[in-house]
N, C-alpha and C. Protein backbone atom coordinates (compact mmCIF):
# COMPACT_ATOMS: atom_id res chain seq x y z
N MET A 1 -141.05 -0.96 -45.94
CA MET A 1 -140.17 0.53 -46.47
C MET A 1 -141.66 1.84 -46.08
N LEU A 2 -142.73 2.05 -46.54
CA LEU A 2 -142.75 3.56 -46.52
C LEU A 2 -142.26 3.84 -45.36
N VAL A 3 -142.62 3.43 -44.44
CA VAL A 3 -142.20 3.69 -42.48
C VAL A 3 -141.21 4.34 -42.56
N LYS A 4 -139.57 3.04 -43.23
CA LYS A 4 -138.87 3.77 -43.42
C LYS A 4 -138.26 5.27 -44.48
N MET A 5 -138.87 5.47 -45.03
CA MET A 5 -138.95 6.82 -45.92
C MET A 5 -139.81 7.23 -44.97
N GLU A 6 -140.34 7.20 -44.35
CA GLU A 6 -141.52 8.54 -43.67
C GLU A 6 -140.46 9.38 -42.13
N ASN A 7 -139.98 7.91 -41.62
CA ASN A 7 -138.93 8.43 -40.83
C ASN A 7 -137.70 9.34 -40.72
N ASP A 8 -137.22 8.32 -42.16
CA ASP A 8 -135.79 8.53 -43.42
C ASP A 8 -135.79 10.99 -43.33
N ILE A 9 -137.56 10.90 -43.89
CA ILE A 9 -138.25 11.58 -44.55
C ILE A 9 -138.42 13.41 -43.72
N PHE A 10 -139.15 12.68 -42.51
CA PHE A 10 -139.04 14.15 -40.76
C PHE A 10 -137.80 14.03 -40.50
N ALA A 11 -136.88 13.29 -39.83
CA ALA A 11 -135.18 13.14 -39.91
C ALA A 11 -135.05 14.86 -40.42
N ASN A 12 -134.88 15.19 -41.84
CA ASN A 12 -134.45 15.39 -42.03
C ASN A 12 -135.43 16.15 -43.11
N ALA A 13 -136.14 17.81 -42.95
CA ALA A 13 -137.05 17.68 -43.96
C ALA A 13 -136.76 19.08 -44.79
N ARG A 14 -135.32 19.40 -44.99
CA ARG A 14 -134.27 20.29 -45.59
C ARG A 14 -134.05 19.60 -47.26
N ASN A 15 -133.45 17.69 -46.40
CA ASN A 15 -133.21 17.62 -48.07
C ASN A 15 -134.24 16.42 -48.50
N VAL A 16 -135.37 16.58 -48.59
CA VAL A 16 -137.12 15.42 -48.86
C VAL A 16 -136.94 16.17 -50.36
N ARG A 17 -137.21 15.10 -51.06
CA ARG A 17 -137.54 14.59 -52.41
C ARG A 17 -138.54 15.02 -52.69
N PHE A 18 -139.20 15.66 -53.89
CA PHE A 18 -140.69 16.28 -53.46
C PHE A 18 -141.40 15.10 -54.13
N LYS A 19 -141.24 13.80 -55.39
CA LYS A 19 -142.08 12.98 -55.04
C LYS A 19 -141.82 12.44 -54.00
N ASP A 20 -141.42 11.77 -53.25
CA ASP A 20 -141.02 10.77 -52.33
C ASP A 20 -142.05 11.26 -51.14
N LEU A 21 -141.90 12.67 -51.71
CA LEU A 21 -143.54 13.07 -50.23
C LEU A 21 -144.55 13.18 -51.30
N LEU A 22 -145.56 12.98 -52.06
CA LEU A 22 -146.03 12.86 -53.13
C LEU A 22 -146.25 11.37 -52.74
N LYS A 23 -145.12 10.43 -52.40
CA LYS A 23 -145.37 8.29 -51.84
C LYS A 23 -146.35 8.75 -50.90
N ILE A 24 -145.03 9.70 -50.33
CA ILE A 24 -145.82 9.53 -48.67
C ILE A 24 -147.74 10.34 -48.40
N CYS A 25 -148.05 11.21 -49.60
CA CYS A 25 -148.81 11.75 -49.15
C CYS A 25 -150.21 10.57 -49.84
N ASP A 26 -149.35 10.10 -51.04
CA ASP A 26 -150.62 9.30 -52.20
C ASP A 26 -150.90 8.20 -51.35
N GLU A 27 -149.53 7.41 -50.11
CA GLU A 27 -150.54 6.50 -49.54
C GLU A 27 -151.07 6.78 -47.71
N CYS A 28 -151.22 8.30 -47.53
CA CYS A 28 -151.87 8.26 -46.62
C CYS A 28 -152.58 9.06 -46.69
N PHE A 29 -153.51 9.54 -48.00
CA PHE A 29 -154.55 10.66 -48.01
C PHE A 29 -155.16 10.72 -48.84
N SER A 30 -154.44 8.94 -49.94
CA SER A 30 -155.51 9.51 -50.89
C SER A 30 -157.24 8.59 -50.48
N LYS A 31 -156.96 8.12 -49.70
CA LYS A 31 -158.61 7.60 -49.26
C LYS A 31 -159.37 8.31 -48.45
N TYR A 32 -159.12 9.83 -48.73
CA TYR A 32 -160.16 10.84 -48.07
C TYR A 32 -160.56 11.53 -50.00
N GLY A 33 -159.90 11.12 -51.02
CA GLY A 33 -160.04 11.95 -52.05
C GLY A 33 -158.88 12.21 -53.11
N LYS A 34 -159.65 12.05 -54.21
CA LYS A 34 -158.61 12.24 -55.26
C LYS A 34 -157.77 13.47 -55.29
N PRO A 35 -156.35 13.54 -54.76
CA PRO A 35 -155.67 15.28 -54.80
C PRO A 35 -155.92 15.51 -55.89
N ARG A 36 -156.45 16.50 -55.78
CA ARG A 36 -156.54 17.97 -56.95
C ARG A 36 -154.65 18.55 -57.22
N GLN A 37 -154.64 19.04 -58.51
CA GLN A 37 -154.05 19.56 -59.19
C GLN A 37 -153.87 21.04 -59.15
N LYS A 38 -153.43 21.67 -59.02
CA LYS A 38 -154.13 23.57 -59.86
C LYS A 38 -152.58 23.91 -59.74
N GLY A 39 -151.96 23.87 -61.45
CA GLY A 39 -151.49 24.08 -61.71
C GLY A 39 -150.09 23.78 -61.40
N SER A 40 -149.49 23.97 -60.62
CA SER A 40 -147.67 23.50 -59.79
C SER A 40 -148.22 23.04 -58.64
N HIS A 41 -149.45 23.27 -58.08
CA HIS A 41 -149.89 22.71 -56.31
C HIS A 41 -150.21 21.44 -56.26
N HIS A 42 -149.93 20.89 -55.48
CA HIS A 42 -150.85 18.94 -55.24
C HIS A 42 -151.33 19.17 -53.51
N ILE A 43 -152.75 19.31 -54.23
CA ILE A 43 -153.46 19.13 -52.53
C ILE A 43 -154.32 17.99 -52.46
N TYR A 44 -154.02 17.86 -51.71
CA TYR A 44 -154.92 16.56 -50.59
C TYR A 44 -155.68 17.19 -49.56
N LYS A 45 -156.58 15.82 -49.80
CA LYS A 45 -157.83 16.55 -48.68
C LYS A 45 -157.78 15.24 -47.73
N THR A 46 -157.99 15.84 -46.35
CA THR A 46 -158.18 15.51 -45.23
C THR A 46 -159.29 15.01 -44.42
N PRO A 47 -158.84 14.24 -42.99
CA PRO A 47 -160.38 14.08 -43.11
C PRO A 47 -160.93 14.99 -42.31
N TRP A 48 -160.47 15.84 -41.71
CA TRP A 48 -160.72 17.87 -41.11
C TRP A 48 -161.03 18.77 -41.60
N LYS A 49 -161.37 20.22 -40.81
CA LYS A 49 -161.14 20.98 -41.71
C LYS A 49 -160.39 22.13 -40.87
N GLY A 50 -159.60 22.81 -41.79
CA GLY A 50 -158.57 23.49 -41.76
C GLY A 50 -156.54 22.83 -40.96
N ASN A 51 -156.03 23.44 -40.66
CA ASN A 51 -154.74 23.16 -40.54
C ASN A 51 -154.49 21.76 -39.43
N PRO A 52 -153.36 21.17 -40.14
CA PRO A 52 -152.53 20.80 -41.14
C PRO A 52 -153.66 20.68 -42.29
N ARG A 53 -153.44 21.62 -43.27
CA ARG A 53 -153.04 21.82 -44.83
C ARG A 53 -152.18 20.87 -45.47
N ILE A 54 -152.62 19.97 -46.10
CA ILE A 54 -151.60 19.27 -47.17
C ILE A 54 -152.02 19.85 -49.12
N ASN A 55 -150.89 21.43 -49.10
CA ASN A 55 -150.65 21.82 -50.54
C ASN A 55 -149.81 22.10 -50.83
N LEU A 56 -148.82 20.84 -51.73
CA LEU A 56 -147.66 21.42 -51.96
C LEU A 56 -147.01 21.82 -53.18
N GLN A 57 -146.42 21.94 -53.16
CA GLN A 57 -145.78 22.53 -54.96
C GLN A 57 -144.16 22.67 -55.10
N GLU A 58 -143.49 21.38 -55.77
CA GLU A 58 -142.44 21.41 -56.31
C GLU A 58 -141.69 22.63 -56.79
N THR A 59 -139.75 22.23 -55.45
CA THR A 59 -138.68 23.77 -55.60
C THR A 59 -138.47 23.56 -57.35
N LYS A 60 -137.57 24.30 -57.70
CA LYS A 60 -136.63 23.88 -59.16
C LYS A 60 -136.02 23.40 -59.46
N ASP A 61 -135.30 22.31 -58.09
CA ASP A 61 -135.10 21.49 -58.17
C ASP A 61 -135.12 20.58 -58.07
N GLY A 62 -136.56 20.29 -57.76
CA GLY A 62 -137.58 18.12 -57.35
C GLY A 62 -137.18 18.61 -56.36
N MET A 63 -136.74 19.29 -54.96
CA MET A 63 -137.49 19.20 -53.70
C MET A 63 -138.47 19.34 -53.72
N ALA A 64 -138.55 19.83 -51.66
CA ALA A 64 -140.31 19.67 -51.41
C ALA A 64 -139.80 20.63 -50.43
N LYS A 65 -140.23 21.72 -50.08
CA LYS A 65 -140.73 22.60 -49.51
C LYS A 65 -140.57 21.89 -47.97
N PRO A 66 -139.16 22.88 -46.91
CA PRO A 66 -139.08 21.95 -46.20
C PRO A 66 -140.59 22.35 -44.81
N TYR A 67 -140.89 23.51 -44.86
CA TYR A 67 -142.72 24.35 -44.00
C TYR A 67 -143.55 22.37 -44.76
N GLN A 68 -143.30 22.28 -45.93
CA GLN A 68 -144.61 22.10 -46.41
C GLN A 68 -144.55 20.42 -45.71
N VAL A 69 -143.03 19.83 -45.79
CA VAL A 69 -142.94 18.85 -45.07
C VAL A 69 -143.54 18.57 -43.59
N ALA A 70 -143.31 19.32 -43.19
CA ALA A 70 -143.43 19.68 -41.38
C ALA A 70 -144.84 19.56 -41.60
N GLN A 71 -145.89 20.39 -42.13
CA GLN A 71 -146.99 20.09 -42.55
C GLN A 71 -147.84 18.88 -43.02
N VAL A 72 -147.11 17.88 -43.66
CA VAL A 72 -146.94 16.70 -44.53
C VAL A 72 -146.90 15.48 -42.53
N ARG A 73 -145.61 15.97 -42.16
CA ARG A 73 -145.59 15.43 -40.82
C ARG A 73 -146.54 15.03 -39.34
N ASP A 74 -147.25 17.00 -39.54
CA ASP A 74 -148.18 17.41 -38.95
C ASP A 74 -149.34 16.36 -38.56
N ALA A 75 -149.73 16.87 -40.27
CA ALA A 75 -151.21 15.70 -40.45
C ALA A 75 -150.72 14.14 -40.40
N ILE A 76 -149.77 14.11 -41.00
CA ILE A 76 -149.23 12.43 -40.56
C ILE A 76 -150.02 12.19 -38.82
N GLU A 77 -149.18 12.66 -38.03
CA GLU A 77 -149.33 12.53 -37.03
C GLU A 77 -150.70 12.73 -36.23
N LYS A 78 -151.48 13.64 -36.53
CA LYS A 78 -152.76 14.10 -36.58
C LYS A 78 -153.73 12.78 -36.90
N LEU A 79 -153.63 12.18 -38.21
CA LEU A 79 -154.20 10.83 -38.53
C LEU A 79 -153.80 10.12 -36.98
N LYS A 80 -152.48 9.56 -37.01
CA LYS A 80 -151.77 8.66 -36.00
C LYS A 80 -152.95 8.43 -34.95
N SER A 81 -152.66 9.95 -34.02
CA SER A 81 -153.25 10.16 -32.69
C SER A 81 -155.16 9.95 -33.60
N SER A 82 -155.42 10.39 -33.91
CA SER A 82 -157.37 10.92 -34.48
C SER A 82 -157.71 9.11 -34.37
N LYS A 83 -157.04 7.34 -34.84
CA LYS A 83 -156.90 6.76 -35.18
C LYS A 83 -157.18 6.52 -33.79
N LYS A 84 -155.69 6.57 -33.21
CA LYS A 84 -155.42 5.48 -31.52
C LYS A 84 -156.71 6.19 -30.63
N GLU A 85 -157.25 7.68 -31.16
CA GLU A 85 -157.86 7.78 -30.04
C GLU A 85 -159.59 6.72 -30.43
N SER A 86 -159.83 6.63 -31.96
CA SER A 86 -161.12 6.49 -32.33
C SER A 86 -161.16 4.65 -31.60
N ASP A 87 -160.32 3.61 -31.76
CA ASP A 87 -159.18 2.19 -31.07
C ASP A 87 -160.31 2.03 -29.92
N VAL A 88 -159.22 3.41 -29.28
CA VAL A 88 -159.93 3.29 -27.92
C VAL A 88 -161.60 3.34 -27.60
N GLU A 89 -161.93 4.48 -28.44
CA GLU A 89 -163.35 4.98 -28.01
C GLU A 89 -163.87 3.25 -28.31
N ARG A 90 -164.21 2.87 -29.68
CA ARG A 90 -164.21 0.75 -30.34
C ARG A 90 -164.29 0.37 -28.36
N GLU A 91 -162.41 0.07 -28.19
CA GLU A 91 -162.21 -0.57 -27.55
C GLU A 91 -162.96 -0.22 -26.10
N GLY A 92 -163.50 0.63 -25.56
CA GLY A 92 -163.90 1.25 -24.51
C GLY A 92 -166.33 0.57 -24.66
N SER A 93 -166.25 0.77 -25.73
CA SER A 93 -167.74 0.59 -26.13
C SER A 93 -168.18 -0.80 -26.56
N SER A 94 -167.27 -1.60 -26.05
CA SER A 94 -167.61 -3.10 -26.66
C SER A 94 -167.46 -4.36 -25.37
N ARG A 95 -167.53 -2.76 -24.40
CA ARG A 95 -167.25 -3.47 -22.75
C ARG A 95 -168.33 -3.44 -22.40
């Protein structure tokens, strides 16, 4: 279910409900620490310093900001690529 939501959201960054984007971020980034909420901003920790950062803010109509959807997409892609790299390294060291 989450993968389908992820695919749908990233296919059209301009039509994403904020609550749906939060669900994806909770699933992907909550293992790095509880997200902070400072005013209307939801800030998620990532396993790296710097960009892409996850700092989300809901619009008045309940939608996510398209550039923030893109930042979440980039961060998830970075997580997936770093996971693949660590899997390859583990595989190589077990030989």
